[in-house]
Amino acid sequence: MMSVNREKVGVTLLTIAITSSILIFYNNWVYAQANETATSAASSSKFIGAGMAFGLAAAGSGIGLGFVGAAGLAAISDNPKMQSRVFIFVGMVESIAIYGIVMMFIILGQ
């Protein structure tokens, strides 16, 4: 049991380290381009923010859908009349991903 938790912690820390190093060391001077105004850096930040908005919303929705789907299938197997309620809960979880897409378009539209 402890080895599984250590593996999960290790993977989580590695993911955080890689993501933070990409965000910290991301600079426009790496590319062989002329110096541009500050709007270039702002537009780059827009893309990072939009990607994170959609990516985190989709990841959260996927994790939530796994839990809701498993519980929903168990509830339907016990009582088939619960099917419509389970679909409502699944739709609520999926709406989180839709909100992430909307936020992505709002960020990119500015």
PDB file of N, CA and C in Angstrom:
ATOM      1  N   MET A   1       0.823  -1.185   0.000  1.00  0.00           N
ATOM      2  CA  MET A   1       0.000   0.000   0.000  1.00  0.00           C
ATOM      3  C   MET A   1       0.868   1.250   0.000  1.00  0.00           C
ATOM      4  N   MET A   2       1.942   1.238   0.778  1.00  0.00           N
ATOM      5  CA  MET A   2       2.812   2.409   0.845  1.00  0.00           C
ATOM      6  C   MET A   2       3.555   2.638  -0.463  1.00  0.00           C
ATOM      7  N   SER A   3       3.898   1.564  -1.185  1.00  0.00           N
ATOM      8  CA  SER A   3       4.629   1.743  -2.430  1.00  0.00           C
ATOM      9  C   SER A   3       3.765   2.421  -3.485  1.00  0.00           C
ATOM     10  N   VAL A   4       2.470   2.146  -3.470  1.00  0.00           N
ATOM     11  CA  VAL A   4       1.576   2.799  -4.416  1.00  0.00           C
ATOM     12  C   VAL A   4       1.503   4.296  -4.119  1.00  0.00           C
ATOM     13  N   ASN A   5       1.420   4.646  -2.832  1.00  0.00           N
ATOM     14  CA  ASN A   5       1.370   6.052  -2.454  1.00  0.00           C
ATOM     15  C   ASN A   5       2.676   6.753  -2.793  1.00  0.00           C
ATOM     16  N   ARG A   6       3.797   6.078  -2.612  1.00  0.00           N
ATOM     17  CA  ARG A   6       5.084   6.673  -2.965  1.00  0.00           C
ATOM     18  C   ARG A   6       5.192   6.882  -4.468  1.00  0.00           C
ATOM     19  N   GLU A   7       4.688   5.942  -5.248  1.00  0.00           N
ATOM     20  CA  GLU A   7       4.723   6.102  -6.698  1.00  0.00           C
ATOM     21  C   GLU A   7       3.853   7.275  -7.139  1.00  0.00           C
ATOM     22  N   LYS A   8       2.661   7.394  -6.538  1.00  0.00           N
ATOM     23  CA  LYS A   8       1.785   8.512  -6.884  1.00  0.00           C
ATOM     24  C   LYS A   8       2.413   9.844  -6.499  1.00  0.00           C
ATOM     25  N   VAL A   9       3.025   9.900  -5.335  1.00  0.00           N
ATOM     26  CA  VAL A   9       3.677  11.128  -4.897  1.00  0.00           C
ATOM     27  C   VAL A   9       4.850  11.450  -5.807  1.00  0.00           C
ATOM     28  N   GLY A  10       5.601  10.432  -6.193  1.00  0.00           N
ATOM     29  CA  GLY A  10       6.731  10.642  -7.092  1.00  0.00           C
ATOM     30  C   GLY A  10       6.303  11.174  -8.444  1.00  0.00           C
ATOM     31  N   VAL A  11       5.253  10.600  -9.007  1.00  0.00           N
ATOM     32  CA  VAL A  11       4.752  11.061 -10.302  1.00  0.00           C
ATOM     33  C   VAL A  11       4.199  12.473 -10.190  1.00  0.00           C
ATOM     34  N   THR A  12       3.503  12.759  -9.098  1.00  0.00           N
ATOM     35  CA  THR A  12       2.957  14.102  -8.893  1.00  0.00           C
ATOM     36  C   THR A  12       4.067  15.130  -8.762  1.00  0.00           C
ATOM     37  N   LEU A  13       5.086  14.835  -7.981  1.00  0.00           N
ATOM     38  CA  LEU A  13       6.199  15.771  -7.821  1.00  0.00           C
ATOM     39  C   LEU A  13       6.964  15.969  -9.122  1.00  0.00           C
ATOM     40  N   LEU A  14       7.139  14.916  -9.889  1.00  0.00           N
ATOM     41  CA  LEU A  14       7.817  15.032 -11.173  1.00  0.00           C
ATOM     42  C   LEU A  14       7.014  15.897 -12.133  1.00  0.00           C
ATOM     43  N   THR A  15       5.702  15.717 -12.161  1.00  0.00           N
ATOM     44  CA  THR A  15       4.850  16.532 -13.017  1.00  0.00           C
ATOM     45  C   THR A  15       4.907  17.995 -12.617  1.00  0.00           C
ATOM     46  N   ILE A  16       4.859  18.272 -11.321  1.00  0.00           N
ATOM     47  CA  ILE A  16       4.946  19.651 -10.843  1.00  0.00           C
ATOM     48  C   ILE A  16       6.296  20.257 -11.196  1.00  0.00           C
ATOM     49  N   ALA A  17       7.367  19.489 -11.035  1.00  0.00           N
ATOM     50  CA  ALA A  17       8.702  19.999 -11.330  1.00  0.00           C
ATOM     51  C   ALA A  17       8.858  20.319 -12.817  1.00  0.00           C
ATOM     52  N   ILE A  18       8.383  19.451 -13.682  1.00  0.00           N
ATOM     53  CA  ILE A  18       8.500  19.685 -15.119  1.00  0.00           C
ATOM     54  C   ILE A  18       7.656  20.881 -15.541  1.00  0.00           C
ATOM     55  N   THR A  19       6.434  20.956 -15.035  1.00  0.00           N
ATOM     56  CA  THR A  19       5.554  22.066 -15.399  1.00  0.00           C
ATOM     57  C   THR A  19       6.108  23.393 -14.916  1.00  0.00           C
ATOM     58  N   SER A  20       6.575  23.435 -13.682  1.00  0.00           N
ATOM     59  CA  SER A  20       7.106  24.698 -13.162  1.00  0.00           C
ATOM     60  C   SER A  20       8.386  25.095 -13.876  1.00  0.00           C
ATOM     61  N   SER A  21       9.233  24.137 -14.240  1.00  0.00           N
ATOM     62  CA  SER A  21      10.454  24.492 -14.960  1.00  0.00           C
ATOM     63  C   SER A  21      10.137  25.015 -16.354  1.00  0.00           C
ATOM     64  N   ILE A  22       9.130  24.478 -17.002  1.00  0.00           N
ATOM     65  CA  ILE A  22       8.733  24.995 -18.316  1.00  0.00           C
ATOM     66  C   ILE A  22       8.212  26.420 -18.185  1.00  0.00           C
ATOM     67  N   LEU A  23       7.390  26.669 -17.175  1.00  0.00           N
ATOM     68  CA  LEU A  23       6.827  28.010 -17.001  1.00  0.00           C
ATOM     69  C   LEU A  23       7.875  29.021 -16.553  1.00  0.00           C
ATOM     70  N   ILE A  24       8.845  28.603 -15.744  1.00  0.00           N
ATOM     71  CA  ILE A  24       9.864  29.527 -15.253  1.00  0.00           C
ATOM     72  C   ILE A  24      10.875  29.868 -16.344  1.00  0.00           C
ATOM     73  N   PHE A  25      11.315  28.868 -17.081  1.00  0.00           N
ATOM     74  CA  PHE A  25      12.371  29.096 -18.059  1.00  0.00           C
ATOM     75  C   PHE A  25      11.860  29.458 -19.447  1.00  0.00           C
ATOM     76  N   TYR A  26      10.562  29.661 -19.596  1.00  0.00           N
ATOM     77  CA  TYR A  26      10.002  30.036 -20.885  1.00  0.00           C
ATOM     78  C   TYR A  26      10.256  31.522 -21.110  1.00  0.00           C
ATOM     79  N   ASN A  27      11.091  31.827 -22.068  1.00  0.00           N
ATOM     80  CA  ASN A  27      11.410  33.219 -22.386  1.00  0.00           C
ATOM     81  C   ASN A  27      11.389  33.398 -23.892  1.00  0.00           C
ATOM     82  N   ASN A  28      11.118  34.607 -24.317  1.00  0.00           N
ATOM     83  CA  ASN A  28      11.112  34.880 -25.751  1.00  0.00           C
ATOM     84  C   ASN A  28      12.511  35.036 -26.316  1.00  0.00           C
ATOM     85  N   TRP A  29      13.516  35.258 -25.500  1.00  0.00           N
ATOM     86  CA  TRP A  29      14.859  35.450 -26.014  1.00  0.00           C
ATOM     87  C   TRP A  29      15.487  34.152 -26.489  1.00  0.00           C
ATOM     88  N   VAL A  30      14.861  33.030 -26.249  1.00  0.00           N
ATOM     89  CA  VAL A  30      15.377  31.746 -26.697  1.00  0.00           C
ATOM     90  C   VAL A  30      15.299  31.642 -28.214  1.00  0.00           C
ATOM     91  N   TYR A  31      14.313  32.266 -28.799  1.00  0.00           N
ATOM     92  CA  TYR A  31      14.103  32.181 -30.236  1.00  0.00           C
ATOM     93  C   TYR A  31      14.940  33.238 -30.954  1.00  0.00           C
ATOM     94  N   ALA A  32      15.354  32.941 -32.155  1.00  0.00           N
ATOM     95  CA  ALA A  32      16.164  33.862 -32.952  1.00  0.00           C
ATOM     96  C   ALA A  32      15.255  34.863 -33.649  1.00  0.00           C
ATOM     97  N   GLN A  33      14.704  35.773 -32.886  1.00  0.00           N
ATOM     98  CA  GLN A  33      13.815  36.783 -33.418  1.00  0.00           C
ATOM     99  C   GLN A  33      14.248  38.137 -32.899  1.00  0.00           C
ATOM    100  N   ALA A  34      13.789  39.159 -33.591  1.00  0.00           N
ATOM    101  CA  ALA A  34      14.079  40.511 -33.142  1.00  0.00           C
ATOM    102  C   ALA A  34      13.277  40.808 -31.880  1.00  0.00           C
ATOM    103  N   ASN A  35      13.769  41.761 -31.115  1.00  0.00           N
ATOM    104  CA  ASN A  35      13.039  42.160 -29.913  1.00  0.00           C
ATOM    105  C   ASN A  35      11.705  42.759 -30.307  1.00  0.00           C
ATOM    106  N   GLU A  36      10.680  42.361 -29.610  1.00  0.00           N
ATOM    107  CA  GLU A  36       9.347  42.861 -29.889  1.00  0.00           C
ATOM    108  C   GLU A  36       8.828  43.600 -28.672  1.00  0.00           C
ATOM    109  N   THR A  37       7.693  44.179 -28.802  1.00  0.00           N
ATOM    110  CA  THR A  37       7.124  44.931 -27.699  1.00  0.00           C
ATOM    111  C   THR A  37       6.592  43.990 -26.625  1.00  0.00           C
ATOM    112  N   ALA A  38       6.072  44.566 -25.568  1.00  0.00           N
ATOM    113  CA  ALA A  38       5.563  43.772 -24.450  1.00  0.00           C
ATOM    114  C   ALA A  38       4.290  43.024 -24.802  1.00  0.00           C
ATOM    115  N   THR A  39       3.651  43.382 -25.905  1.00  0.00           N
ATOM    116  CA  THR A  39       2.430  42.679 -26.272  1.00  0.00           C
ATOM    117  C   THR A  39       2.720  41.240 -26.657  1.00  0.00           C
ATOM    118  N   SER A  40       3.940  40.975 -27.128  1.00  0.00           N
ATOM    119  CA  SER A  40       4.299  39.599 -27.472  1.00  0.00           C
ATOM    120  C   SER A  40       4.297  38.708 -26.230  1.00  0.00           C
ATOM    121  N   ALA A  41       4.859  39.226 -25.144  1.00  0.00           N
ATOM    122  CA  ALA A  41       4.876  38.454 -23.901  1.00  0.00           C
ATOM    123  C   ALA A  41       3.458  38.286 -23.365  1.00  0.00           C
ATOM    124  N   ALA A  42       2.636  39.318 -23.530  1.00  0.00           N
ATOM    125  CA  ALA A  42       1.260  39.217 -23.055  1.00  0.00           C
ATOM    126  C   ALA A  42       0.476  38.201 -23.864  1.00  0.00           C
ATOM    127  N   SER A  43       0.721  38.148 -25.173  1.00  0.00           N
ATOM    128  CA  SER A  43      -0.009  37.171 -25.979  1.00  0.00           C
ATOM    129  C   SER A  43       0.460  35.751 -25.678  1.00  0.00           C
ATOM    130  N   SER A  44       1.744  35.597 -25.345  1.00  0.00           N
ATOM    131  CA  SER A  44       2.229  34.270 -24.963  1.00  0.00           C
ATOM    132  C   SER A  44       1.576  33.814 -23.665  1.00  0.00           C
ATOM    133  N   SER A  45       1.421  34.748 -22.741  1.00  0.00           N
ATOM    134  CA  SER A  45       0.782  34.419 -21.469  1.00  0.00           C
ATOM    135  C   SER A  45      -0.682  34.061 -21.673  1.00  0.00           C
ATOM    136  N   LYS A  46      -1.301  34.669 -22.680  1.00  0.00           N
ATOM    137  CA  LYS A  46      -2.704  34.335 -22.977  1.00  0.00           C
ATOM    138  C   LYS A  46      -2.824  32.874 -23.374  1.00  0.00           C
ATOM    139  N   PHE A  47      -1.914  32.420 -24.214  1.00  0.00           N
ATOM    140  CA  PHE A  47      -1.982  31.037 -24.673  1.00  0.00           C
ATOM    141  C   PHE A  47      -1.736  30.057 -23.526  1.00  0.00           C
ATOM    142  N   ILE A  48      -0.813  30.398 -22.653  1.00  0.00           N
ATOM    143  CA  ILE A  48      -0.555  29.532 -21.504  1.00  0.00           C
ATOM    144  C   ILE A  48      -1.774  29.496 -20.589  1.00  0.00           C
ATOM    145  N   GLY A  49      -2.362  30.662 -20.334  1.00  0.00           N
ATOM    146  CA  GLY A  49      -3.545  30.729 -19.473  1.00  0.00           C
ATOM    147  C   GLY A  49      -4.735  29.999 -20.066  1.00  0.00           C
ATOM    148  N   ALA A  50      -4.927  30.153 -21.384  1.00  0.00           N
ATOM    149  CA  ALA A  50      -6.047  29.473 -22.034  1.00  0.00           C
ATOM    150  C   ALA A  50      -5.857  27.966 -22.010  1.00  0.00           C
ATOM    151  N   GLY A  51      -4.635  27.533 -22.245  1.00  0.00           N
ATOM    152  CA  GLY A  51      -4.367  26.094 -22.198  1.00  0.00           C
ATOM    153  C   GLY A  51      -4.546  25.514 -20.819  1.00  0.00           C
ATOM    154  N   MET A  52      -4.101  26.260 -19.806  1.00  0.00           N
ATOM    155  CA  MET A  52      -4.276  25.776 -18.437  1.00  0.00           C
ATOM    156  C   MET A  52      -5.746  25.774 -18.036  1.00  0.00           C
ATOM    157  N   ALA A  53      -6.506  26.786 -18.476  1.00  0.00           N
ATOM    158  CA  ALA A  53      -7.933  26.835 -18.136  1.00  0.00           C
ATOM    159  C   ALA A  53      -8.656  25.626 -18.691  1.00  0.00           C
ATOM    160  N   PHE A  54      -8.406  25.323 -19.961  1.00  0.00           N
ATOM    161  CA  PHE A  54      -9.095  24.183 -20.562  1.00  0.00           C
ATOM    162  C   PHE A  54      -8.536  22.859 -20.056  1.00  0.00           C
ATOM    163  N   GLY A  55      -7.219  22.770 -19.929  1.00  0.00           N
ATOM    164  CA  GLY A  55      -6.609  21.507 -19.501  1.00  0.00           C
ATOM    165  C   GLY A  55      -6.993  21.099 -18.099  1.00  0.00           C
ATOM    166  N   LEU A  56      -6.956  22.044 -17.167  1.00  0.00           N
ATOM    167  CA  LEU A  56      -7.314  21.716 -15.786  1.00  0.00           C
ATOM    168  C   LEU A  56      -8.799  21.423 -15.649  1.00  0.00           C
ATOM    169  N   ALA A  57      -9.630  22.149 -16.406  1.00  0.00           N
ATOM    170  CA  ALA A  57     -11.068  21.868 -16.352  1.00  0.00           C
ATOM    171  C   ALA A  57     -11.366  20.489 -16.933  1.00  0.00           C
ATOM    172  N   ALA A  58     -10.696  20.133 -18.014  1.00  0.00           N
ATOM    173  CA  ALA A  58     -10.923  18.817 -18.618  1.00  0.00           C
ATOM    174  C   ALA A  58     -10.404  17.700 -17.712  1.00  0.00           C
ATOM    175  N   ALA A  59      -9.260  17.929 -17.073  1.00  0.00           N
ATOM    176  CA  ALA A  59      -8.720  16.907 -16.172  1.00  0.00           C
ATOM    177  C   ALA A  59      -9.629  16.717 -14.957  1.00  0.00           C
ATOM    178  N   GLY A  60     -10.091  17.817 -14.386  1.00  0.00           N
ATOM    179  CA  GLY A  60     -11.004  17.719 -13.247  1.00  0.00           C
ATOM    180  C   GLY A  60     -12.312  17.057 -13.614  1.00  0.00           C
ATOM    181  N   SER A  61     -12.797  17.380 -14.805  1.00  0.00           N
ATOM    182  CA  SER A  61     -14.033  16.765 -15.270  1.00  0.00           C
ATOM    183  C   SER A  61     -13.849  15.265 -15.496  1.00  0.00           C
ATOM    184  N   GLY A  62     -12.711  14.891 -16.028  1.00  0.00           N
ATOM    185  CA  GLY A  62     -12.449  13.465 -16.249  1.00  0.00           C
ATOM    186  C   GLY A  62     -12.356  12.675 -14.958  1.00  0.00           C
ATOM    187  N   ILE A  63     -11.687  13.260 -13.972  1.00  0.00           N
ATOM    188  CA  ILE A  63     -11.581  12.585 -12.670  1.00  0.00           C
ATOM    189  C   ILE A  63     -12.960  12.476 -12.020  1.00  0.00           C
ATOM    190  N   GLY A  64     -13.712  13.568 -12.054  1.00  0.00           N
ATOM    191  CA  GLY A  64     -15.053  13.551 -11.471  1.00  0.00           C
ATOM    192  C   GLY A  64     -15.978  12.591 -12.175  1.00  0.00           C
ATOM    193  N   LEU A  65     -15.838  12.522 -13.501  1.00  0.00           N
ATOM    194  CA  LEU A  65     -16.686  11.616 -14.268  1.00  0.00           C
ATOM    195  C   LEU A  65     -16.389  10.157 -13.939  1.00  0.00           C
ATOM    196  N   GLY A  66     -15.139   9.868 -13.619  1.00  0.00           N
ATOM    197  CA  GLY A  66     -14.799   8.500 -13.212  1.00  0.00           C
ATOM    198  C   GLY A  66     -15.515   8.092 -11.937  1.00  0.00           C
ATOM    199  N   PHE A  67     -15.523   8.998 -10.957  1.00  0.00           N
ATOM    200  CA  PHE A  67     -16.199   8.694  -9.695  1.00  0.00           C
ATOM    201  C   PHE A  67     -17.716   8.636  -9.873  1.00  0.00           C
ATOM    202  N   VAL A  68     -18.263   9.620 -10.585  1.00  0.00           N
ATOM    203  CA  VAL A  68     -19.717   9.670 -10.772  1.00  0.00           C
ATOM    204  C   VAL A  68     -20.186   8.501 -11.631  1.00  0.00           C
ATOM    205  N   GLY A  69     -19.407   8.151 -12.646  1.00  0.00           N
ATOM    206  CA  GLY A  69     -19.792   7.034 -13.509  1.00  0.00           C
ATOM    207  C   GLY A  69     -19.801   5.714 -12.766  1.00  0.00           C
ATOM    208  N   ALA A  70     -18.785   5.504 -11.935  1.00  0.00           N
ATOM    209  CA  ALA A  70     -18.732   4.251 -11.167  1.00  0.00           C
ATOM    210  C   ALA A  70     -19.892   4.165 -10.178  1.00  0.00           C
ATOM    211  N   ALA A  71     -20.148   5.252  -9.482  1.00  0.00           N
ATOM    212  CA  ALA A  71     -21.261   5.255  -8.526  1.00  0.00           C
ATOM    213  C   ALA A  71     -22.599   5.166  -9.248  1.00  0.00           C
ATOM    214  N   GLY A  72     -22.691   5.801 -10.406  1.00  0.00           N
ATOM    215  CA  GLY A  72     -23.936   5.755 -11.178  1.00  0.00           C
ATOM    216  C   GLY A  72     -24.245   4.364 -11.692  1.00  0.00           C
ATOM    217  N   LEU A  73     -23.224   3.669 -12.173  1.00  0.00           N
ATOM    218  CA  LEU A  73     -23.457   2.296 -12.636  1.00  0.00           C
ATOM    219  C   LEU A  73     -23.874   1.379 -11.495  1.00  0.00           C
ATOM    220  N   ALA A  74     -23.290   1.604 -10.321  1.00  0.00           N
ATOM    221  CA  ALA A  74     -23.697   0.804  -9.155  1.00  0.00           C
ATOM    222  C   ALA A  74     -25.137   1.103  -8.769  1.00  0.00           C
ATOM    223  N   ALA A  75     -25.529   2.378  -8.845  1.00  0.00           N
ATOM    224  CA  ALA A  75     -26.907   2.747  -8.498  1.00  0.00           C
ATOM    225  C   ALA A  75     -27.896   2.199  -9.521  1.00  0.00           C
ATOM    226  N   ILE A  76     -27.542   2.239 -10.800  1.00  0.00           N
ATOM    227  CA  ILE A  76     -28.441   1.722 -11.843  1.00  0.00           C
ATOM    228  C   ILE A  76     -28.584   0.211 -11.728  1.00  0.00           C
ATOM    229  N   SER A  77     -27.498  -0.473 -11.347  1.00  0.00           N
ATOM    230  CA  SER A  77     -27.602  -1.937 -11.225  1.00  0.00           C
ATOM    231  C   SER A  77     -28.511  -2.330 -10.060  1.00  0.00           C
ATOM    232  N   ASP A  78     -28.543  -1.505  -9.026  1.00  0.00           N
ATOM    233  CA  ASP A  78     -29.449  -1.781  -7.905  1.00  0.00           C
ATOM    234  C   ASP A  78     -30.886  -1.398  -8.232  1.00  0.00           C
ATOM    235  N   ASN A  79     -31.055  -0.226  -8.871  1.00  0.00           N
ATOM    236  CA  ASN A  79     -32.390   0.288  -9.153  1.00  0.00           C
ATOM    237  C   ASN A  79     -32.385   0.947 -10.532  1.00  0.00           C
ATOM    238  N   PRO A  80     -32.903   0.272 -11.557  1.00  0.00           N
ATOM    239  CA  PRO A  80     -32.873   0.832 -12.909  1.00  0.00           C
ATOM    240  C   PRO A  80     -33.639   2.147 -13.073  1.00  0.00           C
ATOM    241  N   LYS A  81     -34.516   2.473 -12.141  1.00  0.00           N
ATOM    242  CA  LYS A  81     -35.251   3.733 -12.226  1.00  0.00           C
ATOM    243  C   LYS A  81     -34.356   4.945 -11.956  1.00  0.00           C
ATOM    244  N   MET A  82     -33.153   4.713 -11.451  1.00  0.00           N
ATOM    245  CA  MET A  82     -32.220   5.801 -11.129  1.00  0.00           C
ATOM    246  C   MET A  82     -31.468   6.316 -12.353  1.00  0.00           C
ATOM    247  N   GLN A  83     -31.734   5.733 -13.528  1.00  0.00           N
ATOM    248  CA  GLN A  83     -30.946   6.061 -14.710  1.00  0.00           C
ATOM    249  C   GLN A  83     -31.032   7.544 -15.076  1.00  0.00           C
ATOM    250  N   SER A  84     -32.192   8.135 -15.003  1.00  0.00           N
ATOM    251  CA  SER A  84     -32.327   9.543 -15.382  1.00  0.00           C
ATOM    252  C   SER A  84     -31.582  10.442 -14.401  1.00  0.00           C
ATOM    253  N   ARG A  85     -31.601  10.112 -13.123  1.00  0.00           N
ATOM    254  CA  ARG A  85     -30.870  10.911 -12.141  1.00  0.00           C
ATOM    255  C   ARG A  85     -29.368  10.803 -12.337  1.00  0.00           C
ATOM    256  N   VAL A  86     -28.912   9.613 -12.702  1.00  0.00           N
ATOM    257  CA  VAL A  86     -27.484   9.432 -12.946  1.00  0.00           C
ATOM    258  C   VAL A  86     -27.055  10.264 -14.145  1.00  0.00           C
ATOM    259  N   PHE A  87     -27.866  10.311 -15.184  1.00  0.00           N
ATOM    260  CA  PHE A  87     -27.528  11.119 -16.356  1.00  0.00           C
ATOM    261  C   PHE A  87     -27.466  12.601 -16.000  1.00  0.00           C
ATOM    262  N   ILE A  88     -28.305  13.043 -15.089  1.00  0.00           N
ATOM    263  CA  ILE A  88     -28.255  14.443 -14.651  1.00  0.00           C
ATOM    264  C   ILE A  88     -26.934  14.731 -13.949  1.00  0.00           C
ATOM    265  N   PHE A  89     -26.500  13.815 -13.074  1.00  0.00           N
ATOM    266  CA  PHE A  89     -25.229  14.017 -12.371  1.00  0.00           C
ATOM    267  C   PHE A  89     -24.042  13.965 -13.335  1.00  0.00           C
ATOM    268  N   VAL A  90     -24.096  13.084 -14.310  1.00  0.00           N
ATOM    269  CA  VAL A  90     -23.030  13.014 -15.310  1.00  0.00           C
ATOM    270  C   VAL A  90     -22.984  14.320 -16.111  1.00  0.00           C
ATOM    271  N   GLY A  91     -24.142  14.860 -16.452  1.00  0.00           N
ATOM    272  CA  GLY A  91     -24.187  16.135 -17.165  1.00  0.00           C
ATOM    273  C   GLY A  91     -23.633  17.277 -16.342  1.00  0.00           C
ATOM    274  N   MET A  92     -23.859  17.250 -15.031  1.00  0.00           N
ATOM    275  CA  MET A  92     -23.292  18.288 -14.166  1.00  0.00           C
ATOM    276  C   MET A  92     -21.773  18.236 -14.161  1.00  0.00           C
ATOM    277  N   VAL A  93     -21.223  17.040 -14.138  1.00  0.00           N
ATOM    278  CA  VAL A  93     -19.770  16.902 -14.145  1.00  0.00           C
ATOM    279  C   VAL A  93     -19.205  17.338 -15.497  1.00  0.00           C
ATOM    280  N   GLU A  94     -19.870  16.986 -16.574  1.00  0.00           N
ATOM    281  CA  GLU A  94     -19.400  17.368 -17.902  1.00  0.00           C
ATOM    282  C   GLU A  94     -19.474  18.869 -18.130  1.00  0.00           C
ATOM    283  N   SER A  95     -20.373  19.544 -17.415  1.00  0.00           N
ATOM    284  CA  SER A  95     -20.478  20.990 -17.601  1.00  0.00           C
ATOM    285  C   SER A  95     -19.211  21.711 -17.154  1.00  0.00           C
ATOM    286  N   ILE A  96     -18.432  21.111 -16.270  1.00  0.00           N
ATOM    287  CA  ILE A  96     -17.175  21.724 -15.839  1.00  0.00           C
ATOM    288  C   ILE A  96     -16.228  21.860 -17.024  1.00  0.00           C
ATOM    289  N   ALA A  97     -16.154  20.844 -17.873  1.00  0.00           N
ATOM    290  CA  ALA A  97     -15.303  20.926 -19.061  1.00  0.00           C
ATOM    291  C   ALA A  97     -15.822  21.983 -20.031  1.00  0.00           C
ATOM    292  N   ILE A  98     -17.128  22.112 -20.141  1.00  0.00           N
ATOM    293  CA  ILE A  98     -17.703  23.128 -21.023  1.00  0.00           C
ATOM    294  C   ILE A  98     -17.364  24.522 -20.503  1.00  0.00           C
ATOM    295  N   TYR A  99     -17.411  24.720 -19.171  1.00  0.00           N
ATOM    296  CA  TYR A  99     -17.013  26.008 -18.601  1.00  0.00           C
ATOM    297  C   TYR A  99     -15.545  26.296 -18.893  1.00  0.00           C
ATOM    298  N   GLY A 100     -14.710  25.281 -18.882  1.00  0.00           N
ATOM    299  CA  GLY A 100     -13.297  25.461 -19.217  1.00  0.00           C
ATOM    300  C   GLY A 100     -13.108  25.899 -20.654  1.00  0.00           C
ATOM    301  N   ILE A 101     -13.890  25.320 -21.576  1.00  0.00           N
ATOM    302  CA  ILE A 101     -13.812  25.739 -22.978  1.00  0.00           C
ATOM    303  C   ILE A 101     -14.262  27.184 -23.128  1.00  0.00           C
ATOM    304  N   VAL A 102     -15.336  27.556 -22.435  1.00  0.00           N
ATOM    305  CA  VAL A 102     -15.834  28.933 -22.501  1.00  0.00           C
ATOM    306  C   VAL A 102     -14.774  29.900 -21.978  1.00  0.00           C
ATOM    307  N   MET A 103     -14.146  29.563 -20.860  1.00  0.00           N
ATOM    308  CA  MET A 103     -13.099  30.434 -20.315  1.00  0.00           C
ATOM    309  C   MET A 103     -11.914  30.536 -21.265  1.00  0.00           C
ATOM    310  N   MET A 104     -11.579  29.448 -21.947  1.00  0.00           N
ATOM    311  CA  MET A 104     -10.498  29.479 -22.918  1.00  0.00           C
ATOM    312  C   MET A 104     -10.804  30.466 -24.033  1.00  0.00           C
ATOM    313  N   PHE A 105     -12.029  30.422 -24.551  1.00  0.00           N
ATOM    314  CA  PHE A 105     -12.392  31.349 -25.614  1.00  0.00           C
ATOM    315  C   PHE A 105     -12.466  32.790 -25.113  1.00  0.00           C
ATOM    316  N   ILE A 106     -12.870  32.993 -23.884  1.00  0.00           N
ATOM    317  CA  ILE A 106     -12.894  34.351 -23.326  1.00  0.00           C
ATOM    318  C   ILE A 106     -11.467  34.888 -23.199  1.00  0.00           C
ATOM    319  N   ILE A 107     -10.556  34.049 -22.729  1.00  0.00           N
ATOM    320  CA  ILE A 107      -9.161  34.496 -22.583  1.00  0.00           C
ATOM    321  C   ILE A 107      -8.539  34.788 -23.946  1.00  0.00           C
ATOM    322  N   LEU A 108      -8.771  33.929 -24.920  1.00  0.00           N
ATOM    323  CA  LEU A 108      -8.195  34.142 -26.247  1.00  0.00           C
ATOM    324  C   LEU A 108      -8.843  35.293 -26.993  1.00  0.00           C
ATOM    325  N   GLY A 109     -10.073  35.623 -26.652  1.00  0.00           N
ATOM    326  CA  GLY A 109     -10.778  36.701 -27.351  1.00  0.00           C
ATOM    327  C   GLY A 109     -10.363  38.076 -26.921  1.00  0.00           C
ATOM    328  N   GLN A 110      -9.659  38.210 -25.794  1.00  0.00           N
ATOM    329  CA  GLN A 110      -9.268  39.544 -25.313  1.00  0.00           C
ATOM    330  C   GLN A 110      -8.043  40.050 -26.012  1.00  0.00           C
TER     331      GLN A 110
END
